[in-house]
Structure formats: structure tokens, C-alpha cells
Amino acid sequence: MRLLPFDYAVRNLGRSPRRLAALLIGNALVVALVVVAASFVEGMRSSLTIKHDSKNVLLLASGSEESMERSEISASVPGVLAASVPGIRTVHGESFVSPEVLSALILKTDPDSEEEFRGVVRGVTRGAFLVHSRLQMVEGRAPENGAYEIMVGSLAAEKLGLPSERLAIGKSLWLDDRRWDIVGRFQARGTVMDAEVWIPLNDLLIETKRDTISCVAITLGDAEFADVDAFTKMRVDLELVAIQEAEYYAALLRFYRPVQGMIWITALLVGMSGVLGGLNTLYAAFASRAREIGMLQSLGYSRRSVVASLIQESLIAASSAVLISLVLAKMFLDGIAIPFSMGVFELTMNSTVLVSGASVGLFLGLLGAIPAAWKCLRMPIPESLKAV
């Protein structure tokens, strides 16, 4: 089979700048839509997937396994647990035990302002810095007990809907008409903690007028999860349940799967309209070249050669559109913070997302040339030479 020269397909793209622009824009929009949907799902999945802290265990109130915020357990649990379960990880005499309070509270930037911001606040002790291995201080220091000091995550500004400079060290937030000074900034990439405000545990207990904590997070050393689970079953008076941290966030991810499904369905519906529009553009572009295709056949090129050339032309345009769309997505969409009830996650432009977008764009380019080629090649050569 004698094929048409490759540069024939390339030169054909430049014959009509308007047609080329329509092809590029149509394909690029479809690819961009797929990339946004895939990065949304991937970003949420990453923020609720625990990879490094696989030996962490959470102790929650029985019946509150799906919500740390609803959980309330006795403040004596950390001490009882540490004394009853040997094998909890310890370094230099410090046990990896972190009693915590997690609550959604109203914060203000000014006591006289009517504008309120709902943020996720976590009350912590020094043990939190041991248990949560992804936590890194990036600026300042940890807050001190009784000094009305707080530290904020790197995505806390996005969660509160504030400019990042408003949560710089030295600035303040107001909680229940009390000023709290920001003395530190931390990051915990890939976790929901990155969007939280951290307050010393005792200060938060006093401020919220509660005498219970939300959970106890521990890191296992020689102990097994079964040891902690057995402890919760023996101490029925404490009304506890043990759950691995990775499983807790996996359950949250399953809870948000309907949201992810809606994103994909929306992307599919809008993408289908984009695909149909792209196919219509390709069909109009190629179907109007019946005379040219008839001339190629009269010169001795087979129908398969002509189809191969049209597919080459379509794939070149689609590849260009894919490249443009992926570069723009990487430049302007990667890392954009999206708030949700648990915190904030970032749009993730990883290899899975980029391959998904590229695959859809190339498939559209491959599919787009076939209907027009089929119409033109069905015509007898004399009739196609007379086509207008």
C-alpha cells in the first residue's frame, strides 16, 4: 500500500487557519474538562488516603466511628491506655499518644466584624507532633499553653476563604471574642490536617467549656492492632472503639464517592457535548474535501492510504490540542485548593490525570476522521470529482 507523504497531512492543517483553530479549541476544551474532573477526584482521594502512618490507631467513642467531630470520650483515656497497652511506640521516654479535640468553630479576623469564617480547629498536645509523621513546621514555633496562641496549616487560608497573608505569623484570629495570636505555620501535605487551625488542647477545652476529648491517636511499636482492640472490648465502661487511621479515612473517602460520581457524570455529559461538537467540526472539515479525496484516488492512492492520511491529519491536530491543554492545566490548575467539609484538598496533576486527558484527546482525534472519510470514500470517483 503506497501511503501519502506525512508532510501532506501537516501542510493540509495550515490550509485553513480557521478550521485549524476550531479543531484545536474544541479538542483542548474536551481534554481540559476531563483533566479537571480527574484531578478533582484524584486530589480528594489523595487527601483522604493515609500511606505513611499505617501503624497509627484512633480510639473514638463507640458509635462515632464515621465522625471524629461527633466523638466524645473521657479525658482520662490517654493515661489509662498508655498504662494498659504495652508496646506503644516510645522514643526517649516520650510515648506516641496524642489526645485531640476536633471541632468546627466560628472564627473572626476582627472582634467587631460581622463576617464569620467556619474553620476546623484541632486541640493538640506535644504528642501530636510525634504521632502525625507528615506534620512539618515551616515557620515559627508551636503554641504554648495558656498564652492564647495558635498555629495554622498551609491551606487554612483557603479553607477560611482568606488571603494567605492574613494568616501570617504575628496576625491574629478571634474565637469567642478572645484574641489568639498566630505564632507558627505547619504543613501536612496530602492530609486534611493541612487546612486546620491548631490550639493547645487545654486552652481549647477551656474555651469550648468541655471536659471530654474527641479521640486519642497512637502509634504502635511492638503492639498490634489486636492489642488495642482487645483493650477497648475489656474496658466497656469507657465505651471506646479502635480503628486504624488508614481505615478511618478510607471510610470517609467512601462517603464522598457519590460526590466524585457526580463530578464524573457532569464531566461526561458536558464532555459528550464537546465530543459531538468536535466530531461535527472534523466532519465538516473533512467532508468538504470530497473532490480532493477523489483526485487522490484517481492518482492511484488506495482508499486505505487516504484514510490513513486523514487520520494522521486529525491526530496531529488532536496531539497539538492535548499538548496545549495539558501545559495550561499544569501551569494554572495544578495545586488549586478546593475547600470541602473536612478541610481542603488540592487539584492534583499527576501522571494518571495527564494520561487520562491525553487518552481522551487522542481518541477524539482518531474517531473524528472516520465518519467524514467514510462519507467521502463511499462516493464513486467520478462523482467525488464533481463535488463542490
Protein backbone atom coordinates (compact mmCIF):
# COMPACT_ATOMS: atom_id res chain seq x y z
CA MET A 1 0.00 0.00 0.00
CA ARG A 2 1.51 3.32 -1.08
CA LEU A 3 0.96 5.94 1.63
CA LEU A 4 0.68 9.67 1.13
CA PRO A 5 3.68 11.64 2.40
CA PHE A 6 3.47 12.61 6.07
CA ASP A 7 4.10 16.26 5.26
CA TYR A 8 0.97 16.24 3.09
CA ALA A 9 -1.15 15.88 6.23
CA VAL A 10 0.89 18.57 8.01
CA ARG A 11 0.54 21.07 5.15
CA ASN A 12 -3.20 20.42 4.94
CA LEU A 13 -3.65 21.66 8.51
CA GLY A 14 -2.32 25.08 7.54
CA ARG A 15 -4.56 25.47 4.51
CA SER A 16 -7.42 26.80 6.64
CA PRO A 17 -6.36 28.65 9.83
CA ARG A 18 -9.97 28.97 10.98
CA ARG A 19 -10.57 25.27 10.62
CA LEU A 20 -7.35 24.50 12.49
CA ALA A 21 -8.26 26.93 15.29
CA ALA A 22 -11.70 25.32 15.63
CA LEU A 23 -10.12 21.86 15.83
CA LEU A 24 -7.58 22.94 18.44
CA ILE A 25 -10.06 24.82 20.64
CA GLY A 26 -12.69 22.07 20.51
CA ASN A 27 -10.25 19.29 21.37
CA ALA A 28 -8.47 21.36 24.02
CA LEU A 29 -11.71 22.15 25.84
CA VAL A 30 -12.72 18.49 25.98
CA VAL A 31 -9.28 17.50 27.28
CA ALA A 32 -9.33 20.31 29.87
CA LEU A 33 -12.72 19.17 31.16
CA VAL A 34 -11.53 15.60 31.58
CA VAL A 35 -8.34 16.78 33.31
CA VAL A 36 -10.26 18.96 35.79
CA ALA A 37 -12.65 16.14 36.69
CA ALA A 38 -9.84 13.60 37.07
CA SER A 39 -7.69 15.98 39.15
CA PHE A 40 -10.67 16.75 41.41
CA VAL A 41 -11.26 13.06 42.13
CA GLU A 42 -7.53 12.35 42.48
CA GLY A 43 -6.99 15.29 44.82
CA MET A 44 -9.80 14.24 47.14
CA ARG A 45 -8.59 10.64 47.08
CA SER A 46 -5.04 11.68 47.96
CA SER A 47 -6.09 13.89 50.87
CA LEU A 48 -8.13 11.06 52.44
CA THR A 49 -5.59 8.30 51.86
CA ILE A 50 -3.10 7.55 54.63
CA LYS A 51 0.11 5.99 53.29
CA HIS A 52 2.92 6.69 55.76
CA ASP A 53 1.12 6.42 59.14
CA SER A 54 -0.03 2.83 58.65
CA LYS A 55 0.72 1.99 62.31
CA ASN A 56 -1.47 4.76 63.68
CA VAL A 57 -4.64 3.80 65.54
CA LEU A 58 -7.54 6.04 66.56
CA LEU A 59 -9.69 5.49 69.66
CA LEU A 60 -13.13 7.04 69.26
CA ALA A 61 -16.42 6.92 71.10
CA SER A 62 -18.45 3.84 70.28
CA GLY A 63 -20.99 4.73 67.60
CA SER A 64 -18.92 7.66 66.28
CA GLU A 65 -16.59 5.69 64.04
CA GLU A 66 -17.53 7.79 61.00
CA SER A 67 -17.06 11.24 62.54
CA MET A 68 -14.26 12.35 64.81
CA GLU A 69 -16.09 15.62 65.43
CA ARG A 70 -19.10 13.85 66.97
CA SER A 71 -16.94 11.62 69.16
CA GLU A 72 -16.65 12.37 72.89
CA ILE A 73 -14.53 10.25 75.21
CA SER A 74 -13.18 10.72 78.72
CA ALA A 75 -10.06 12.83 79.09
CA SER A 76 -8.59 10.04 81.26
CA VAL A 77 -8.42 7.60 78.33
CA PRO A 78 -4.86 8.51 77.19
CA GLY A 79 -3.38 7.75 80.61
CA VAL A 80 -5.37 4.52 81.05
CA LEU A 81 -4.46 3.39 77.54
CA ALA A 82 -0.73 4.04 77.96
CA ALA A 83 -0.72 2.08 81.23
CA SER A 84 -2.81 -0.81 79.91
CA VAL A 85 -1.39 -1.49 76.43
CA PRO A 86 2.35 -2.20 76.35
CA GLY A 87 4.09 -1.80 73.02
CA ILE A 88 3.01 1.73 72.12
CA ARG A 89 5.91 3.39 70.34
CA THR A 90 8.19 5.35 72.65
CA VAL A 91 11.25 7.48 71.88
CA HIS A 92 13.43 8.92 74.67
CA GLY A 93 10.67 8.31 77.18
CA GLU A 94 8.02 10.09 75.11
CA SER A 95 5.03 7.90 74.21
CA PHE A 96 3.40 8.38 70.83
CA VAL A 97 -0.01 9.17 72.35
CA SER A 98 -1.99 12.19 71.19
CA PRO A 99 -5.28 13.20 72.85
CA GLU A 100 -7.12 15.53 70.47
CA VAL A 101 -10.27 17.59 70.14
CA LEU A 102 -11.62 18.24 66.64
CA SER A 103 -14.32 20.82 66.18
CA ALA A 104 -15.76 23.16 63.55
CA LEU A 105 -15.79 26.64 65.08
CA ILE A 106 -16.58 30.18 64.02
CA LEU A 107 -13.52 32.41 63.68
CA LYS A 108 -13.25 36.13 63.03
CA THR A 109 -10.49 38.41 61.81
CA ASP A 110 -11.83 41.30 63.88
CA PRO A 111 -13.97 41.22 67.05
CA ASP A 112 -16.30 43.95 65.76
CA SER A 113 -16.71 42.43 62.32
CA GLU A 114 -19.94 40.68 61.39
CA GLU A 115 -18.09 38.50 58.88
CA GLU A 116 -17.57 34.99 60.22
CA PHE A 117 -15.42 32.14 58.96
CA ARG A 118 -16.04 28.49 59.76
CA GLY A 119 -12.80 26.64 60.30
CA VAL A 120 -11.70 23.23 61.53
CA VAL A 121 -9.92 23.61 64.87
CA ARG A 122 -7.88 20.83 66.47
CA GLY A 123 -6.78 20.87 70.09
CA VAL A 124 -3.46 19.09 70.47
CA THR A 125 -0.63 18.32 72.86
CA ARG A 126 3.04 17.72 72.20
CA GLY A 127 2.19 14.12 71.33
CA ALA A 128 0.53 15.24 68.09
CA PHE A 129 3.93 16.17 66.67
CA LEU A 130 5.08 12.58 67.29
CA VAL A 131 2.05 10.68 66.07
CA HIS A 132 1.40 12.64 62.87
CA SER A 133 4.59 11.99 60.93
CA ARG A 134 3.61 14.12 57.91
CA LEU A 135 3.48 17.25 60.04
CA GLN A 136 6.29 19.72 59.40
CA MET A 137 6.82 23.13 60.94
CA VAL A 138 7.62 25.55 58.14
CA GLU A 139 7.72 28.79 60.08
CA GLY A 140 7.61 29.98 63.67
CA ARG A 141 7.00 27.67 66.63
CA ALA A 142 4.34 25.61 68.36
CA PRO A 143 1.80 27.49 70.52
CA GLU A 144 2.23 27.49 74.27
CA ASN A 145 -0.40 26.55 76.82
CA GLY A 146 -2.26 29.45 78.40
CA ALA A 147 -0.75 32.07 76.10
CA TYR A 148 -3.71 32.23 73.67
CA GLU A 149 -1.54 31.21 70.75
CA ILE A 150 -2.36 29.14 67.66
CA MET A 151 -0.65 27.66 64.63
CA VAL A 152 -2.20 27.31 61.19
CA GLY A 153 -1.86 24.84 58.34
CA SER A 154 -0.57 25.88 54.93
CA LEU A 155 -4.08 25.54 53.43
CA ALA A 156 -6.01 27.07 56.34
CA ALA A 157 -6.40 30.37 54.47
CA GLU A 158 -8.13 28.59 51.57
CA LYS A 159 -10.45 26.77 53.99
CA LEU A 160 -11.41 30.04 55.70
CA GLY A 161 -11.61 31.95 52.42
CA LEU A 162 -8.94 34.45 53.46
CA PRO A 163 -5.82 35.72 51.67
CA SER A 164 -2.75 33.80 52.83
CA GLU A 165 -1.04 36.93 54.17
CA ARG A 166 -3.95 37.35 56.61
CA LEU A 167 -2.74 34.22 58.43
CA ALA A 168 0.93 35.18 58.56
CA ILE A 169 2.86 34.91 61.80
CA GLY A 170 2.08 37.91 64.00
CA LYS A 171 -1.51 38.19 62.79
CA SER A 172 -4.45 37.22 64.98
CA LEU A 173 -7.79 35.42 64.82
CA TRP A 174 -10.69 35.84 67.20
CA LEU A 175 -12.56 32.95 68.78
CA ASP A 176 -15.48 33.74 71.08
CA ASP A 177 -14.37 37.36 71.47
CA ARG A 178 -10.88 36.31 72.52
CA ARG A 179 -7.76 37.15 70.55
CA TRP A 180 -5.47 34.30 69.51
CA ASP A 181 -2.08 35.18 68.07
CA ILE A 182 -0.61 33.16 65.20
CA VAL A 183 2.88 32.01 66.21
CA GLY A 184 3.52 29.15 63.78
CA ARG A 185 2.72 27.67 60.40
CA PHE A 186 2.88 23.99 59.52
CA GLN A 187 2.17 21.78 56.57
CA ALA A 188 0.94 18.21 56.37
CA ARG A 189 0.79 17.65 52.63
CA GLY A 190 -1.77 15.14 51.42
CA THR A 191 -3.83 15.20 54.63
CA VAL A 192 -6.89 17.09 55.85
CA MET A 193 -4.81 18.49 58.73
CA ASP A 194 -3.15 20.90 56.30
CA ALA A 195 -6.26 23.12 56.40
CA GLU A 196 -6.73 23.16 60.16
CA VAL A 197 -6.05 25.62 62.97
CA TRP A 198 -4.24 24.04 65.92
CA ILE A 199 -4.70 25.21 69.52
CA PRO A 200 -3.20 23.76 72.72
CA LEU A 201 -5.61 21.11 73.98
CA ASN A 202 -6.22 22.56 77.45
CA ASP A 203 -6.88 26.03 76.02
CA LEU A 204 -9.45 24.65 73.59
CA LEU A 205 -11.16 22.61 76.33
CA ILE A 206 -11.50 25.74 78.45
CA GLU A 207 -12.63 27.88 75.51
CA THR A 208 -15.31 25.39 74.41
CA LYS A 209 -16.32 24.57 78.01
CA ARG A 210 -16.00 20.82 77.58
CA ASP A 211 -14.34 18.15 79.69
CA THR A 212 -14.17 15.41 77.05
CA ILE A 213 -11.87 14.88 74.09
CA SER A 214 -12.70 13.71 70.59
CA CYS A 215 -10.16 10.92 70.16
CA VAL A 216 -6.80 9.50 71.07
CA ALA A 217 -4.32 8.83 68.27
CA ILE A 218 -1.44 6.45 68.99
CA THR A 219 1.43 4.93 67.03
CA LEU A 220 2.09 1.24 67.60
CA GLY A 221 5.54 -0.07 68.32
CA ASP A 222 5.73 -3.71 69.33
CA ALA A 223 1.99 -3.85 69.97
CA GLU A 224 -0.52 -4.97 67.35
CA PHE A 225 -3.87 -3.50 66.47
CA ALA A 226 -5.48 -6.54 68.10
CA ASP A 227 -3.99 -5.49 71.46
CA VAL A 228 -5.65 -2.08 71.28
CA ASP A 229 -8.89 -3.62 70.07
CA ALA A 230 -8.84 -6.06 72.99
CA PHE A 231 -8.34 -3.14 75.40
CA THR A 232 -11.47 -1.38 74.10
CA LYS A 233 -13.51 -4.59 74.45
CA MET A 234 -12.32 -5.23 78.01
CA ARG A 235 -12.91 -1.67 79.17
CA VAL A 236 -16.57 -1.48 78.22
CA ASP A 237 -17.03 1.29 80.79
CA LEU A 238 -15.02 3.64 78.58
CA GLU A 239 -17.28 2.99 75.55
CA LEU A 240 -14.43 3.03 73.06
CA VAL A 241 -13.82 1.63 69.61
CA ALA A 242 -10.42 1.24 67.96
CA ILE A 243 -9.97 1.85 64.26
CA GLN A 244 -6.84 2.07 62.16
CA GLU A 245 -6.25 5.62 60.95
CA ALA A 246 -5.94 4.47 57.33
CA GLU A 247 -9.31 2.69 57.56
CA TYR A 248 -10.98 5.74 59.15
CA TYR A 249 -10.00 7.98 56.23
CA ALA A 250 -10.82 5.22 53.73
CA ALA A 251 -14.35 5.19 55.15
CA LEU A 252 -14.54 8.98 54.68
CA LEU A 253 -13.40 8.53 51.10
CA ARG A 254 -16.20 6.02 50.52
CA PHE A 255 -18.63 8.54 51.99
CA TYR A 256 -17.57 11.11 49.37
CA ARG A 257 -17.77 8.68 46.45
CA PRO A 258 -21.24 9.93 45.41
CA VAL A 259 -19.74 13.43 45.08
CA GLN A 260 -16.95 12.05 42.93
CA GLY A 261 -19.52 10.16 40.85
CA MET A 262 -21.48 13.37 40.28
CA ILE A 263 -18.29 15.09 39.13
CA TRP A 264 -17.61 12.33 36.62
CA ILE A 265 -21.21 12.28 35.39
CA THR A 266 -21.18 16.05 34.91
CA ALA A 267 -17.85 15.83 33.10
CA LEU A 268 -19.21 13.01 30.94
CA LEU A 269 -22.35 14.92 29.95
CA VAL A 270 -20.51 18.14 29.17
CA GLY A 271 -17.69 16.16 27.57
CA MET A 272 -20.15 14.33 25.31
CA SER A 273 -21.43 17.65 24.02
CA GLY A 274 -17.82 18.72 23.46
CA VAL A 275 -17.03 15.45 21.68
CA LEU A 276 -20.08 15.77 19.45
CA GLY A 277 -19.14 19.38 18.67
CA GLY A 278 -15.58 18.28 17.89
CA LEU A 279 -16.81 15.47 15.67
CA ASN A 280 -19.09 17.88 13.86
CA THR A 281 -16.15 20.24 13.27
CA LEU A 282 -13.98 17.41 11.98
CA TYR A 283 -16.78 16.08 9.81
CA ALA A 284 -17.39 19.49 8.26
CA ALA A 285 -13.66 19.97 7.73
CA PHE A 286 -13.06 16.64 6.01
CA ALA A 287 -16.39 16.05 4.27
CA SER A 288 -15.94 19.25 2.24
CA ARG A 289 -12.80 17.77 0.68
CA ALA A 290 -14.56 15.11 -1.40
CA ARG A 291 -13.02 16.43 -4.66
CA GLU A 292 -9.53 16.33 -3.18
CA ILE A 293 -10.06 12.75 -1.97
CA GLY A 294 -11.41 11.74 -5.37
CA MET A 295 -8.35 13.26 -7.06
CA LEU A 296 -6.03 11.32 -4.74
CA GLN A 297 -7.77 8.08 -5.68
CA SER A 298 -7.54 8.91 -9.38
CA LEU A 299 -3.78 9.37 -8.91
CA GLY A 300 -3.53 5.78 -7.69
CA TYR A 301 -3.72 6.11 -3.92
CA SER A 302 -5.92 3.46 -2.33
CA ARG A 303 -8.79 4.19 -0.01
CA ARG A 304 -6.80 2.88 2.95
CA SER A 305 -3.99 5.31 2.10
CA VAL A 306 -6.43 8.21 2.03
CA VAL A 307 -7.99 7.14 5.35
CA ALA A 308 -4.54 6.82 6.90
CA SER A 309 -3.65 10.35 5.76
CA LEU A 310 -6.89 11.81 7.17
CA ILE A 311 -6.30 10.04 10.49
CA GLN A 312 -2.74 11.37 10.55
CA GLU A 313 -4.03 14.87 10.00
CA SER A 314 -6.67 14.52 12.70
CA LEU A 315 -4.21 13.02 15.19
CA ILE A 316 -1.68 15.81 14.59
CA ALA A 317 -4.35 18.40 15.38
CA ALA A 318 -5.55 16.40 18.40
CA SER A 319 -1.99 15.94 19.71
CA SER A 320 -1.35 19.67 19.47
CA ALA A 321 -4.59 20.38 21.32
CA VAL A 322 -3.69 17.82 24.01
CA LEU A 323 -0.26 19.37 24.49
CA ILE A 324 -1.68 22.89 24.76
CA SER A 325 -4.40 21.81 27.19
CA LEU A 326 -2.09 19.79 29.46
CA VAL A 327 0.56 22.53 29.61
CA LEU A 328 -2.07 25.15 30.54
CA ALA A 329 -3.63 22.80 33.11
CA LYS A 330 -0.25 22.13 34.70
CA MET A 331 0.54 25.84 34.81
CA PHE A 332 -2.78 27.21 36.07
CA LEU A 333 -4.73 24.37 37.71
CA ASP A 334 -2.14 22.26 39.49
CA GLY A 335 -2.30 22.86 43.25
CA ILE A 336 -5.52 24.91 43.27
CA ALA A 337 -7.14 24.42 46.69
CA ILE A 338 -10.76 23.21 46.83
CA PRO A 339 -12.50 23.54 50.25
CA PHE A 340 -14.83 20.79 51.45
CA SER A 341 -16.39 19.91 54.80
CA MET A 342 -13.35 18.05 56.16
CA GLY A 343 -10.83 20.66 55.08
CA VAL A 344 -9.15 21.42 51.76
CA PHE A 345 -7.67 19.32 49.01
CA GLU A 346 -5.58 20.38 46.04
CA LEU A 347 -6.19 19.63 42.39
CA THR A 348 -3.54 17.07 41.50
CA MET A 349 -1.99 16.95 38.04
CA ASN A 350 -0.20 13.62 38.41
CA SER A 351 0.61 11.11 35.68
CA THR A 352 -2.78 9.38 36.00
CA VAL A 353 -4.66 12.63 35.40
CA LEU A 354 -2.45 13.71 32.50
CA VAL A 355 -2.66 10.30 30.80
CA SER A 356 -6.47 10.35 31.15
CA GLY A 357 -6.70 13.72 29.43
CA ALA A 358 -4.24 12.76 26.70
CA SER A 359 -6.06 9.48 26.02
CA VAL A 360 -9.41 11.20 25.59
CA GLY A 361 -7.92 13.84 23.27
CA LEU A 362 -6.15 11.30 21.06
CA PHE A 363 -9.23 9.08 20.97
CA LEU A 364 -11.27 12.07 19.81
CA GLY A 365 -8.71 12.74 17.08
CA LEU A 366 -8.79 9.11 15.94
CA LEU A 367 -12.56 8.88 16.00
CA GLY A 368 -13.18 12.26 14.37
CA ALA A 369 -11.71 11.44 10.96
CA ILE A 370 -13.56 8.17 10.41
CA PRO A 371 -17.16 9.40 9.69
CA ALA A 372 -16.03 12.04 7.17
CA ALA A 373 -13.64 9.62 5.49
CA TRP A 374 -16.40 7.04 5.27
CA LYS A 375 -18.76 9.51 3.56
CA CYS A 376 -16.18 10.70 1.03
CA LEU A 377 -14.83 7.25 0.16
CA ARG A 378 -18.29 5.80 -0.40
CA MET A 379 -18.74 8.13 -3.37
CA PRO A 380 -17.62 6.88 -6.79
CA ILE A 381 -14.52 8.66 -8.07
CA PRO A 382 -16.29 10.46 -10.97
CA GLU A 383 -18.99 11.74 -8.60
CA SER A 384 -16.45 12.90 -5.97
CA LEU A 385 -14.51 14.79 -8.68
CA LYS A 386 -17.68 16.73 -9.48
CA ALA A 387 -18.36 17.57 -5.82
CA VAL A 388 -18.36 21.24 -4.85
